[in-house]
Every structure is written in C-alpha cells, then in structure tokens.
Amino acid sequence: MGKVEQLEQQIQNLSKEELAQFRAWFLEFDWENWDSQLERDVAAGKLDALGEKALRDHASGKSTPL
C-alpha cells in the first residue's frame, strides 16, 4: 500500500473532531504552499505578461468597474 492509500485509510478512521482539526490544518498548509508558489512565480516574472496585458486592456477601455 502506498503512502497516499495509507493516509486515506488513516483519515477515514479519524473522529469528527480529529477530522475537523485535520481539515483546518490542511487548508492552512495548502494555502501556505499556494502562496509560496505564487511568490516564486512572481519573482521569476512568470506573471509579467498577464499583468501587462491587463494594464493594456484597462488602458484601452476593455475593463469595467466593479
């Protein structure tokens, strides 16, 4: 049995309280990883083209107020 299958089995055996605690922990863990990846992508310039396009579109009137 692989690690993921072992984790699945362990998670299925958690009490409601433990599952809620795990869920809260995992959501925070997942967001922190996503934030870190976004920061690396920004630093590497991977989003520059999207930002420039958005600014051009806005300058040409292609955006609408929220």
PDB file of N, CA and C in Angstrom:
ATOM      1  N   MET A   1       0.862  -1.181   0.000  1.00  0.00           N
ATOM      2  CA  MET A   1       0.000   0.000   0.000  1.00  0.00           C
ATOM      3  C   MET A   1       0.901   1.234   0.000  1.00  0.00           C
ATOM      4  N   GLY A   2       0.574   2.194  -0.864  1.00  0.00           N
ATOM      5  CA  GLY A   2       1.353   3.419  -0.972  1.00  0.00           C
ATOM      6  C   GLY A   2       1.033   4.408   0.132  1.00  0.00           C
ATOM      7  N   LYS A   3       1.833   5.459   0.201  1.00  0.00           N
ATOM      8  CA  LYS A   3       1.641   6.479   1.241  1.00  0.00           C
ATOM      9  C   LYS A   3       0.264   7.129   1.161  1.00  0.00           C
ATOM     10  N   VAL A   4      -0.195   7.433  -0.046  1.00  0.00           N
ATOM     11  CA  VAL A   4      -1.495   8.099  -0.186  1.00  0.00           C
ATOM     12  C   VAL A   4      -2.611   7.184   0.308  1.00  0.00           C
ATOM     13  N   GLU A   5      -2.543   5.932  -0.062  1.00  0.00           N
ATOM     14  CA  GLU A   5      -3.570   4.993   0.389  1.00  0.00           C
ATOM     15  C   GLU A   5      -3.552   4.862   1.909  1.00  0.00           C
ATOM     16  N   GLN A   6      -2.352   4.851   2.508  1.00  0.00           N
ATOM     17  CA  GLN A   6      -2.251   4.775   3.964  1.00  0.00           C
ATOM     18  C   GLN A   6      -2.874   6.014   4.612  1.00  0.00           C
ATOM     19  N   LEU A   7      -2.579   7.177   4.046  1.00  0.00           N
ATOM     20  CA  LEU A   7      -3.169   8.414   4.570  1.00  0.00           C
ATOM     21  C   LEU A   7      -4.686   8.398   4.451  1.00  0.00           C
ATOM     22  N   GLU A   8      -5.182   7.956   3.299  1.00  0.00           N
ATOM     23  CA  GLU A   8      -6.634   7.880   3.111  1.00  0.00           C
ATOM     24  C   GLU A   8      -7.267   7.010   4.184  1.00  0.00           C
ATOM     25  N   GLN A   9      -6.659   5.874   4.436  1.00  0.00           N
ATOM     26  CA  GLN A   9      -7.203   4.956   5.435  1.00  0.00           C
ATOM     27  C   GLN A   9      -7.166   5.594   6.825  1.00  0.00           C
ATOM     28  N   GLN A  10      -6.069   6.252   7.151  1.00  0.00           N
ATOM     29  CA  GLN A  10      -5.956   6.893   8.457  1.00  0.00           C
ATOM     30  C   GLN A  10      -6.975   8.023   8.598  1.00  0.00           C
ATOM     31  N   ILE A  11      -7.166   8.793   7.550  1.00  0.00           N
ATOM     32  CA  ILE A  11      -8.135   9.893   7.594  1.00  0.00           C
ATOM     33  C   ILE A  11      -9.551   9.365   7.783  1.00  0.00           C
ATOM     34  N   GLN A  12      -9.858   8.280   7.101  1.00  0.00           N
ATOM     35  CA  GLN A  12     -11.195   7.695   7.238  1.00  0.00           C
ATOM     36  C   GLN A  12     -11.470   7.217   8.658  1.00  0.00           C
ATOM     37  N   ASN A  13     -10.434   6.929   9.414  1.00  0.00           N
ATOM     38  CA  ASN A  13     -10.589   6.428  10.775  1.00  0.00           C
ATOM     39  C   ASN A  13     -10.579   7.534  11.835  1.00  0.00           C
ATOM     40  N   LEU A  14     -10.466   8.788  11.412  1.00  0.00           N
ATOM     41  CA  LEU A  14     -10.470   9.896  12.367  1.00  0.00           C
ATOM     42  C   LEU A  14     -11.871  10.133  12.926  1.00  0.00           C
ATOM     43  N   SER A  15     -11.921  10.609  14.161  1.00  0.00           N
ATOM     44  CA  SER A  15     -13.205  11.013  14.739  1.00  0.00           C
ATOM     45  C   SER A  15     -13.631  12.323  14.060  1.00  0.00           C
ATOM     46  N   LYS A  16     -14.859  12.743  14.297  1.00  0.00           N
ATOM     47  CA  LYS A  16     -15.342  14.001  13.717  1.00  0.00           C
ATOM     48  C   LYS A  16     -14.474  15.174  14.154  1.00  0.00           C
ATOM     49  N   GLU A  17     -14.096  15.178  15.426  1.00  0.00           N
ATOM     50  CA  GLU A  17     -13.272  16.258  15.954  1.00  0.00           C
ATOM     51  C   GLU A  17     -11.878  16.249  15.326  1.00  0.00           C
ATOM     52  N   GLU A  18     -11.308  15.061  15.218  1.00  0.00           N
ATOM     53  CA  GLU A  18      -9.983  14.935  14.600  1.00  0.00           C
ATOM     54  C   GLU A  18     -10.029  15.320  13.125  1.00  0.00           C
ATOM     55  N   LEU A  19     -11.098  14.944  12.444  1.00  0.00           N
ATOM     56  CA  LEU A  19     -11.245  15.289  11.040  1.00  0.00           C
ATOM     57  C   LEU A  19     -11.350  16.802  10.866  1.00  0.00           C
ATOM     58  N   ALA A  20     -12.094  17.453  11.741  1.00  0.00           N
ATOM     59  CA  ALA A  20     -12.212  18.908  11.677  1.00  0.00           C
ATOM     60  C   ALA A  20     -10.853  19.561  11.917  1.00  0.00           C
ATOM     61  N   GLN A  21     -10.100  19.042  12.873  1.00  0.00           N
ATOM     62  CA  GLN A  21      -8.767  19.573  13.167  1.00  0.00           C
ATOM     63  C   GLN A  21      -7.841  19.345  11.969  1.00  0.00           C
ATOM     64  N   PHE A  22      -7.890  18.165  11.385  1.00  0.00           N
ATOM     65  CA  PHE A  22      -7.063  17.867  10.216  1.00  0.00           C
ATOM     66  C   PHE A  22      -7.436  18.773   9.043  1.00  0.00           C
ATOM     67  N   ARG A  23      -8.726  18.943   8.812  1.00  0.00           N
ATOM     68  CA  ARG A  23      -9.195  19.776   7.719  1.00  0.00           C
ATOM     69  C   ARG A  23      -8.678  21.206   7.860  1.00  0.00           C
ATOM     70  N   ALA A  24      -8.769  21.760   9.069  1.00  0.00           N
ATOM     71  CA  ALA A  24      -8.280  23.121   9.319  1.00  0.00           C
ATOM     72  C   ALA A  24      -6.776  23.204   9.080  1.00  0.00           C
ATOM     73  N   TRP A  25      -6.051  22.210   9.570  1.00  0.00           N
ATOM     74  CA  TRP A  25      -4.599  22.192   9.359  1.00  0.00           C
ATOM     75  C   TRP A  25      -4.277  22.114   7.873  1.00  0.00           C
ATOM     76  N   PHE A  26      -4.956  21.215   7.162  1.00  0.00           N
ATOM     77  CA  PHE A  26      -4.632  21.017   5.746  1.00  0.00           C
ATOM     78  C   PHE A  26      -4.960  22.253   4.917  1.00  0.00           C
ATOM     79  N   LEU A  27      -6.068  22.915   5.212  1.00  0.00           N
ATOM     80  CA  LEU A  27      -6.410  24.134   4.473  1.00  0.00           C
ATOM     81  C   LEU A  27      -5.323  25.180   4.640  1.00  0.00           C
ATOM     82  N   GLU A  28      -4.842  25.376   5.852  1.00  0.00           N
ATOM     83  CA  GLU A  28      -3.760  26.331   6.103  1.00  0.00           C
ATOM     84  C   GLU A  28      -2.480  25.901   5.385  1.00  0.00           C
ATOM     85  N   PHE A  29      -2.150  24.635   5.481  1.00  0.00           N
ATOM     86  CA  PHE A  29      -0.969  24.069   4.815  1.00  0.00           C
ATOM     87  C   PHE A  29      -1.044  24.282   3.305  1.00  0.00           C
ATOM     88  N   ASP A  30      -2.197  24.000   2.733  1.00  0.00           N
ATOM     89  CA  ASP A  30      -2.384  24.128   1.283  1.00  0.00           C
ATOM     90  C   ASP A  30      -2.282  25.582   0.844  1.00  0.00           C
ATOM     91  N   TRP A  31      -2.902  26.513   1.584  1.00  0.00           N
ATOM     92  CA  TRP A  31      -2.820  27.936   1.243  1.00  0.00           C
ATOM     93  C   TRP A  31      -1.392  28.447   1.340  1.00  0.00           C
ATOM     94  N   GLU A  32      -0.656  28.016   2.371  1.00  0.00           N
ATOM     95  CA  GLU A  32       0.736  28.449   2.515  1.00  0.00           C
ATOM     96  C   GLU A  32       1.572  27.971   1.334  1.00  0.00           C
ATOM     97  N   ASN A  33       1.344  26.741   0.891  1.00  0.00           N
ATOM     98  CA  ASN A  33       2.066  26.226  -0.278  1.00  0.00           C
ATOM     99  C   ASN A  33       1.696  27.001  -1.536  1.00  0.00           C
ATOM    100  N   TRP A  34       0.416  27.305  -1.697  1.00  0.00           N
ATOM    101  CA  TRP A  34      -0.040  28.070  -2.866  1.00  0.00           C
ATOM    102  C   TRP A  34       0.577  29.462  -2.852  1.00  0.00           C
ATOM    103  N   ASP A  35       0.573  30.113  -1.685  1.00  0.00           N
ATOM    104  CA  ASP A  35       1.174  31.443  -1.572  1.00  0.00           C
ATOM    105  C   ASP A  35       2.654  31.417  -1.921  1.00  0.00           C
ATOM    106  N   SER A  36       3.358  30.414  -1.430  1.00  0.00           N
ATOM    107  CA  SER A  36       4.790  30.298  -1.722  1.00  0.00           C
ATOM    108  C   SER A  36       5.037  30.124  -3.212  1.00  0.00           C
ATOM    109  N   GLN A  37       4.223  29.282  -3.853  1.00  0.00           N
ATOM    110  CA  GLN A  37       4.385  29.075  -5.294  1.00  0.00           C
ATOM    111  C   GLN A  37       4.097  30.363  -6.060  1.00  0.00           C
ATOM    112  N   LEU A  38       3.066  31.083  -5.657  1.00  0.00           N
ATOM    113  CA  LEU A  38       2.729  32.345  -6.312  1.00  0.00           C
ATOM    114  C   LEU A  38       3.879  33.347  -6.158  1.00  0.00           C
ATOM    115  N   GLU A  39       4.441  33.424  -4.965  1.00  0.00           N
ATOM    116  CA  GLU A  39       5.568  34.332  -4.738  1.00  0.00           C
ATOM    117  C   GLU A  39       6.759  33.963  -5.625  1.00  0.00           C
ATOM    118  N   ARG A  40       7.039  32.669  -5.762  1.00  0.00           N
ATOM    119  CA  ARG A  40       8.141  32.232  -6.641  1.00  0.00           C
ATOM    120  C   ARG A  40       7.846  32.584  -8.097  1.00  0.00           C
ATOM    121  N   ASP A  41       6.605  32.394  -8.516  1.00  0.00           N
ATOM    122  CA  ASP A  41       6.233  32.714  -9.899  1.00  0.00           C
ATOM    123  C   ASP A  41       6.342  34.205 -10.168  1.00  0.00           C
ATOM    124  N   VAL A  42       5.914  35.027  -9.222  1.00  0.00           N
ATOM    125  CA  VAL A  42       6.012  36.482  -9.381  1.00  0.00           C
ATOM    126  C   VAL A  42       7.479  36.884  -9.464  1.00  0.00           C
ATOM    127  N   ALA A  43       8.294  36.367  -8.553  1.00  0.00           N
ATOM    128  CA  ALA A  43       9.717  36.704  -8.536  1.00  0.00           C
ATOM    129  C   ALA A  43      10.413  36.281  -9.823  1.00  0.00           C
ATOM    130  N   ALA A  44       9.959  35.183 -10.412  1.00  0.00           N
ATOM    131  CA  ALA A  44      10.557  34.685 -11.647  1.00  0.00           C
ATOM    132  C   ALA A  44      10.005  35.389 -12.882  1.00  0.00           C
ATOM    133  N   GLY A  45       9.036  36.287 -12.697  1.00  0.00           N
ATOM    134  CA  GLY A  45       8.479  37.026 -13.829  1.00  0.00           C
ATOM    135  C   GLY A  45       7.447  36.255 -14.641  1.00  0.00           C
ATOM    136  N   LYS A  46       6.970  35.139 -14.099  1.00  0.00           N
ATOM    137  CA  LYS A  46       6.029  34.316 -14.852  1.00  0.00           C
ATOM    138  C   LYS A  46       4.671  34.968 -15.053  1.00  0.00           C
ATOM    139  N   LEU A  47       4.364  36.000 -14.250  1.00  0.00           N
ATOM    140  CA  LEU A  47       3.056  36.650 -14.367  1.00  0.00           C
ATOM    141  C   LEU A  47       3.143  38.017 -15.034  1.00  0.00           C
ATOM    142  N   ASP A  48       4.344  38.414 -15.414  1.00  0.00           N
ATOM    143  CA  ASP A  48       4.538  39.745 -16.001  1.00  0.00           C
ATOM    144  C   ASP A  48       3.682  39.962 -17.248  1.00  0.00           C
ATOM    145  N   ALA A  49       3.648  38.978 -18.127  1.00  0.00           N
ATOM    146  CA  ALA A  49       2.894  39.125 -19.370  1.00  0.00           C
ATOM    147  C   ALA A  49       1.399  39.302 -19.082  1.00  0.00           C
ATOM    148  N   LEU A  50       0.883  38.579 -18.096  1.00  0.00           N
ATOM    149  CA  LEU A  50      -0.534  38.715 -17.750  1.00  0.00           C
ATOM    150  C   LEU A  50      -0.826  40.102 -17.190  1.00  0.00           C
ATOM    151  N   GLY A  51       0.056  40.597 -16.342  1.00  0.00           N
ATOM    152  CA  GLY A  51      -0.120  41.930 -15.785  1.00  0.00           C
ATOM    153  C   GLY A  51      -0.070  43.008 -16.859  1.00  0.00           C
ATOM    154  N   GLU A  52       0.881  42.882 -17.764  1.00  0.00           N
ATOM    155  CA  GLU A  52       0.995  43.858 -18.844  1.00  0.00           C
ATOM    156  C   GLU A  52      -0.242  43.840 -19.729  1.00  0.00           C
ATOM    157  N   LYS A  53      -0.753  42.651 -20.031  1.00  0.00           N
ATOM    158  CA  LYS A  53      -1.957  42.553 -20.855  1.00  0.00           C
ATOM    159  C   LYS A  53      -3.151  43.191 -20.149  1.00  0.00           C
ATOM    160  N   ALA A  54      -3.271  42.932 -18.844  1.00  0.00           N
ATOM    161  CA  ALA A  54      -4.378  43.521 -18.082  1.00  0.00           C
ATOM    162  C   ALA A  54      -4.291  45.042 -18.088  1.00  0.00           C
ATOM    163  N   LEU A  55      -3.094  45.583 -17.928  1.00  0.00           N
ATOM    164  CA  LEU A  55      -2.931  47.036 -17.950  1.00  0.00           C
ATOM    165  C   LEU A  55      -3.255  47.612 -19.328  1.00  0.00           C
ATOM    166  N   ARG A  56      -2.822  46.933 -20.389  1.00  0.00           N
ATOM    167  CA  ARG A  56      -3.150  47.388 -21.756  1.00  0.00           C
ATOM    168  C   ARG A  56      -4.650  47.353 -21.992  1.00  0.00           C
ATOM    169  N   ASP A  57      -5.286  46.267 -21.586  1.00  0.00           N
ATOM    170  CA  ASP A  57      -6.733  46.140 -21.758  1.00  0.00           C
ATOM    171  C   ASP A  57      -7.465  47.235 -20.994  1.00  0.00           C
ATOM    172  N   HIS A  58      -7.022  47.514 -19.790  1.00  0.00           N
ATOM    173  CA  HIS A  58      -7.662  48.559 -18.987  1.00  0.00           C
ATOM    174  C   HIS A  58      -7.466  49.927 -19.642  1.00  0.00           C
ATOM    175  N   ALA A  59      -6.260  50.188 -20.099  1.00  0.00           N
ATOM    176  CA  ALA A  59      -5.968  51.475 -20.735  1.00  0.00           C
ATOM    177  C   ALA A  59      -6.787  51.679 -22.012  1.00  0.00           C
ATOM    178  N   SER A  60      -7.114  50.579 -22.681  1.00  0.00           N
ATOM    179  CA  SER A  60      -7.882  50.695 -23.923  1.00  0.00           C
ATOM    180  C   SER A  60      -9.393  50.619 -23.684  1.00  0.00           C
ATOM    181  N   GLY A  61      -9.797  50.623 -22.398  1.00  0.00           N
ATOM    182  CA  GLY A  61     -11.217  50.632 -22.076  1.00  0.00           C
ATOM    183  C   GLY A  61     -11.900  49.278 -22.086  1.00  0.00           C
ATOM    184  N   LYS A  62     -11.136  48.209 -22.065  1.00  0.00           N
ATOM    185  CA  LYS A  62     -11.736  46.874 -22.113  1.00  0.00           C
ATOM    186  C   LYS A  62     -12.146  46.351 -20.731  1.00  0.00           C
ATOM    187  N   SER A  63     -11.909  47.129 -19.684  1.00  0.00           N
ATOM    188  CA  SER A  63     -12.314  46.699 -18.347  1.00  0.00           C
ATOM    189  C   SER A  63     -13.581  47.437 -17.924  1.00  0.00           C
ATOM    190  N   THR A  64     -14.249  46.876 -16.953  1.00  0.00           N
ATOM    191  CA  THR A  64     -15.470  47.521 -16.443  1.00  0.00           C
ATOM    192  C   THR A  64     -15.327  47.705 -14.940  1.00  0.00           C
ATOM    193  N   PRO A  65     -15.945  48.747 -14.398  1.00  0.00           N
ATOM    194  CA  PRO A  65     -15.880  48.953 -12.940  1.00  0.00           C
ATOM    195  C   PRO A  65     -16.588  47.818 -12.204  1.00  0.00           C
ATOM    196  N   LEU A  66     -16.101  47.541 -11.022  1.00  0.00           N
ATOM    197  CA  LEU A  66     -16.748  46.503 -10.204  1.00  0.00           C
ATOM    198  C   LEU A  66     -17.998  47.027  -9.552  1.00  0.00           C
TER     199      LEU A  66
END
